[in-house]
Amino acid sequence: MNEITDQVLDALNKYPELLKQLPANTFLHRVQPCRYDANPVNYRADSDTRYADPSKRVGVYYLGCSAEVAVAESFQPGQGVDDQPVRFSQLQQASLHLLKAARKLCLVDVAALANRATHHKIRDIVQAKGQGKEGYALTRKISQVCMSQDHVDGLLYLSAVYTVTGAMEGCNIVLFEGRSPQIQAISHQPVSIAVLPNGETVVEFLCSLGVALE
């Protein structure tokens, strides 16, 4: 993995276009348990996710660039357990949060970085945990290297479950802990009654994606 470290650092230095600037006040979205409604911005160093710090020293915080992608990412059949349907009780225990960027954020484009630094296509590194020989090892190493760069706030990457061609609406962001304030919470609503910008309820939207609910 030391080779990956060198390749990522070289690519970040050589290709400034790998860094994307997210303007201040850009709206962002997140689905999380209702118990966090009073304090929705929580970075997790112990996260077991795709872009978590493998050393568990730097916390990560995931956001969707649209309400739709935040919902699609949060309610997938099985959530890693066969193909069990999503239960309505899961919707009832979650809130959809609206937040905004507190300042301009500097984000690394994961897909472009993977091509330049590792010669992997994004499809090869966006795998479910445990798939292949490495599982999340490569994505976590890429994230860890980017975390070491103080000017980098996080990563920008395409959703694997709700992709919108050529649009930020199909992208996710993971932010790194330890930077100046990145996010400001605005409002939240229960997922079970939330209405998306196009007028669909969350249930209608999930059904349109083929997500089984029970």
Protein backbone atom coordinates (compact mmCIF):
# COMPACT_ATOMS: atom_id res chain seq x y z
CA MET A 1 0.00 0.00 0.00
CA ASN A 2 3.01 2.34 0.28
CA GLU A 3 3.06 2.44 -3.51
CA ILE A 4 -0.55 3.68 -3.48
CA THR A 5 0.43 6.45 -1.06
CA ASP A 6 3.14 7.69 -3.40
CA GLN A 7 0.92 7.43 -6.46
CA VAL A 8 -1.93 9.39 -4.84
CA LEU A 9 0.37 12.14 -3.56
CA ASP A 10 2.07 12.43 -6.94
CA ALA A 11 -1.28 12.67 -8.73
CA LEU A 12 -2.60 15.34 -6.35
CA ASN A 13 0.53 17.42 -6.95
CA LYS A 14 0.63 16.89 -10.70
CA TYR A 15 -3.07 17.25 -11.57
CA PRO A 16 -4.71 20.21 -9.82
CA GLU A 17 -7.95 19.44 -11.68
CA LEU A 18 -8.45 16.52 -9.30
CA LEU A 19 -9.47 19.08 -6.66
CA LYS A 20 -13.02 20.39 -6.91
CA GLN A 21 -14.26 23.47 -5.09
CA LEU A 22 -17.73 23.22 -3.54
CA PRO A 23 -19.05 26.78 -3.04
CA ALA A 24 -20.03 28.05 0.39
CA ASN A 25 -23.76 27.76 1.13
CA THR A 26 -24.21 24.78 -1.19
CA PHE A 27 -27.12 22.69 0.13
CA LEU A 28 -26.30 19.15 1.23
CA HIS A 29 -28.41 16.32 2.63
CA ARG A 30 -28.12 13.47 5.09
CA VAL A 31 -30.33 10.69 6.43
CA GLN A 32 -29.55 9.52 9.95
CA PRO A 33 -31.30 8.18 13.07
CA CYS A 34 -33.69 10.60 14.79
CA ARG A 35 -31.63 10.39 17.97
CA TYR A 36 -29.06 12.68 16.32
CA ASP A 37 -31.56 15.38 15.35
CA ALA A 38 -30.38 17.83 18.00
CA ASN A 39 -26.72 17.47 16.96
CA PRO A 40 -26.67 16.21 13.39
CA VAL A 41 -23.03 16.91 12.47
CA ASN A 42 -21.07 13.99 13.87
CA TYR A 43 -17.77 12.74 12.49
CA ARG A 44 -17.02 9.10 13.26
CA ALA A 45 -13.44 7.92 13.69
CA ASP A 46 -14.64 4.36 14.33
CA SER A 47 -16.61 4.20 11.08
CA ASP A 48 -16.53 0.90 9.20
CA THR A 49 -17.38 2.50 5.88
CA ARG A 50 -15.81 2.68 2.41
CA TYR A 51 -13.78 5.85 2.99
CA ALA A 52 -13.11 5.51 6.71
CA ASP A 53 -9.65 6.09 8.14
CA PRO A 54 -8.09 2.61 8.45
CA SER A 55 -6.16 3.83 11.50
CA LYS A 56 -9.41 5.13 13.05
CA ARG A 57 -7.87 8.45 14.01
CA VAL A 58 -9.73 10.83 11.69
CA GLY A 59 -13.51 10.90 11.74
CA VAL A 60 -15.59 10.92 8.55
CA TYR A 61 -19.00 12.41 7.81
CA TYR A 62 -21.08 11.44 4.75
CA LEU A 63 -23.49 13.71 2.86
CA GLY A 64 -25.53 13.54 -0.32
CA CYS A 65 -25.50 16.32 -2.89
CA SER A 66 -29.26 15.83 -3.27
CA ALA A 67 -32.04 14.60 -1.03
CA GLU A 68 -32.64 11.77 -3.49
CA VAL A 69 -29.12 10.41 -3.32
CA ALA A 70 -29.07 10.69 0.48
CA VAL A 71 -32.27 8.63 0.67
CA ALA A 72 -31.17 6.09 -1.97
CA GLU A 73 -27.85 5.54 -0.18
CA SER A 74 -29.53 5.07 3.19
CA PHE A 75 -32.25 2.58 2.33
CA GLN A 76 -30.99 -0.32 0.26
CA PRO A 77 -32.40 -3.86 0.29
CA GLY A 78 -30.63 -6.00 2.85
CA GLN A 79 -28.06 -3.38 3.85
CA GLY A 80 -25.50 -6.14 3.47
CA VAL A 81 -27.76 -8.95 4.73
CA ASP A 82 -28.90 -10.97 1.71
CA ASP A 83 -31.74 -9.10 -0.02
CA GLN A 84 -34.05 -8.48 2.89
CA PRO A 85 -36.55 -5.68 2.21
CA VAL A 86 -36.31 -2.29 3.86
CA ARG A 87 -38.70 -2.11 6.82
CA PHE A 88 -41.05 0.82 7.28
CA SER A 89 -39.81 0.98 10.87
CA GLN A 90 -36.40 2.03 9.50
CA LEU A 91 -38.03 5.03 7.81
CA GLN A 92 -39.88 5.92 10.98
CA GLN A 93 -36.67 6.00 13.00
CA ALA A 94 -34.75 8.30 10.65
CA SER A 95 -34.70 11.97 9.72
CA LEU A 96 -33.75 13.73 6.49
CA HIS A 97 -31.48 16.66 7.27
CA LEU A 98 -30.87 19.74 5.17
CA LEU A 99 -27.44 21.28 5.70
CA LYS A 100 -25.14 23.66 3.84
CA ALA A 101 -21.44 24.17 3.32
CA ALA A 102 -20.24 26.67 5.93
CA ARG A 103 -17.41 27.76 3.60
CA LYS A 104 -15.84 26.76 0.31
CA LEU A 105 -14.85 23.11 0.53
CA CYS A 106 -11.92 21.53 -1.30
CA LEU A 107 -12.82 18.00 -2.42
CA VAL A 108 -10.85 15.32 -4.26
CA ASP A 109 -12.65 13.74 -7.22
CA VAL A 110 -12.35 10.05 -6.36
CA ALA A 111 -13.08 8.70 -9.84
CA ALA A 112 -10.49 10.94 -11.50
CA LEU A 113 -7.95 10.21 -8.77
CA ALA A 114 -8.45 6.46 -9.12
CA ASN A 115 -7.80 6.67 -12.84
CA ARG A 116 -4.68 8.83 -12.49
CA ALA A 117 -3.10 7.41 -9.36
CA THR A 118 -4.04 3.73 -9.23
CA HIS A 119 -5.03 3.02 -12.85
CA HIS A 120 -8.26 1.52 -11.48
CA LYS A 121 -11.61 2.36 -12.98
CA ILE A 122 -14.15 3.59 -10.48
CA ARG A 123 -16.21 0.41 -10.96
CA ASP A 124 -13.25 -1.57 -9.66
CA ILE A 125 -12.93 0.32 -6.42
CA VAL A 126 -16.61 0.95 -5.65
CA GLN A 127 -17.37 -2.54 -4.44
CA ALA A 128 -19.33 -3.87 -1.54
CA LYS A 129 -17.34 -4.57 1.59
CA GLY A 130 -15.65 -7.92 1.29
CA GLN A 131 -15.94 -8.19 -2.48
CA GLY A 132 -12.75 -9.18 -4.17
CA LYS A 133 -9.51 -9.67 -2.27
CA GLU A 134 -9.28 -6.19 -0.78
CA GLY A 135 -12.83 -5.14 0.00
CA TYR A 136 -12.58 -1.56 1.23
CA ALA A 137 -8.79 -1.61 1.63
CA LEU A 138 -8.02 0.43 -1.48
CA THR A 139 -10.68 3.09 -0.98
CA ARG A 140 -9.72 3.51 2.66
CA LYS A 141 -6.06 3.89 1.75
CA ILE A 142 -6.92 6.54 -0.85
CA SER A 143 -9.00 8.35 1.76
CA GLN A 144 -6.24 8.12 4.37
CA VAL A 145 -3.71 9.69 2.02
CA CYS A 146 -6.11 12.53 1.18
CA MET A 147 -6.74 13.06 4.89
CA SER A 148 -3.04 13.77 5.34
CA GLN A 149 -3.39 16.86 3.13
CA ASP A 150 -4.57 19.69 5.37
CA HIS A 151 -6.04 21.68 2.48
CA VAL A 152 -8.32 18.78 1.49
CA ASP A 153 -11.73 18.79 3.18
CA GLY A 154 -12.92 15.47 1.82
CA LEU A 155 -13.85 13.38 -1.20
CA LEU A 156 -16.45 13.71 -3.94
CA TYR A 157 -17.69 10.47 -5.47
CA LEU A 158 -20.52 9.12 -7.59
CA SER A 159 -23.31 7.20 -5.95
CA ALA A 160 -23.41 3.54 -6.90
CA VAL A 161 -27.17 3.39 -6.32
CA TYR A 162 -28.47 6.70 -7.72
CA THR A 163 -26.27 8.06 -10.48
CA VAL A 164 -27.31 11.14 -12.43
CA THR A 165 -25.19 11.59 -15.55
CA GLY A 166 -23.12 14.76 -15.48
CA ALA A 167 -24.85 16.15 -12.40
CA MET A 168 -23.91 16.71 -8.77
CA GLU A 169 -27.35 15.36 -7.79
CA GLY A 170 -25.94 11.84 -8.15
CA CYS A 171 -22.86 12.46 -6.02
CA ASN A 172 -21.88 11.94 -2.41
CA ILE A 173 -19.36 13.72 -0.24
CA VAL A 174 -17.35 12.40 2.68
CA LEU A 175 -15.78 15.08 4.87
CA PHE A 176 -12.73 14.69 7.10
CA GLU A 177 -12.57 15.69 10.74
CA GLY A 178 -10.04 18.20 12.03
CA ARG A 179 -10.67 21.05 9.58
CA SER A 180 -12.25 24.43 10.30
CA PRO A 181 -16.08 24.20 10.46
CA GLN A 182 -17.36 22.68 7.22
CA ILE A 183 -21.09 22.20 7.67
CA GLN A 184 -24.02 24.13 9.10
CA ALA A 185 -27.28 22.36 9.93
CA ILE A 186 -30.44 24.05 8.68
CA SER A 187 -33.48 21.85 9.26
CA HIS A 188 -34.73 18.28 9.37
CA GLN A 189 -37.92 16.30 8.91
CA PRO A 190 -38.96 12.72 9.63
CA VAL A 191 -38.20 10.48 6.67
CA SER A 192 -41.64 8.87 6.92
CA ILE A 193 -43.34 12.17 5.97
CA ALA A 194 -40.56 13.83 3.98
CA VAL A 195 -41.39 15.12 0.51
CA LEU A 196 -38.60 15.33 -2.07
CA PRO A 197 -38.12 18.35 -4.38
CA ASN A 198 -40.07 16.70 -7.22
CA GLY A 199 -43.11 16.18 -4.97
CA GLU A 200 -42.56 12.46 -4.32
CA THR A 201 -42.65 11.06 -0.84
CA VAL A 202 -39.66 9.01 0.25
CA VAL A 203 -41.77 5.84 0.00
CA GLU A 204 -42.80 6.69 -3.58
CA PHE A 205 -39.21 7.44 -4.50
CA LEU A 206 -37.86 4.18 -3.06
CA CYS A 207 -40.57 2.17 -4.78
CA SER A 208 -39.65 3.83 -8.09
CA LEU A 209 -36.08 2.57 -7.57
CA GLY A 210 -37.35 -0.97 -7.06
CA VAL A 211 -36.62 -1.03 -3.33
CA ALA A 212 -38.91 -3.51 -1.57
CA LEU A 213 -40.58 -2.11 1.56
CA GLU A 214 -42.44 -3.96 4.26
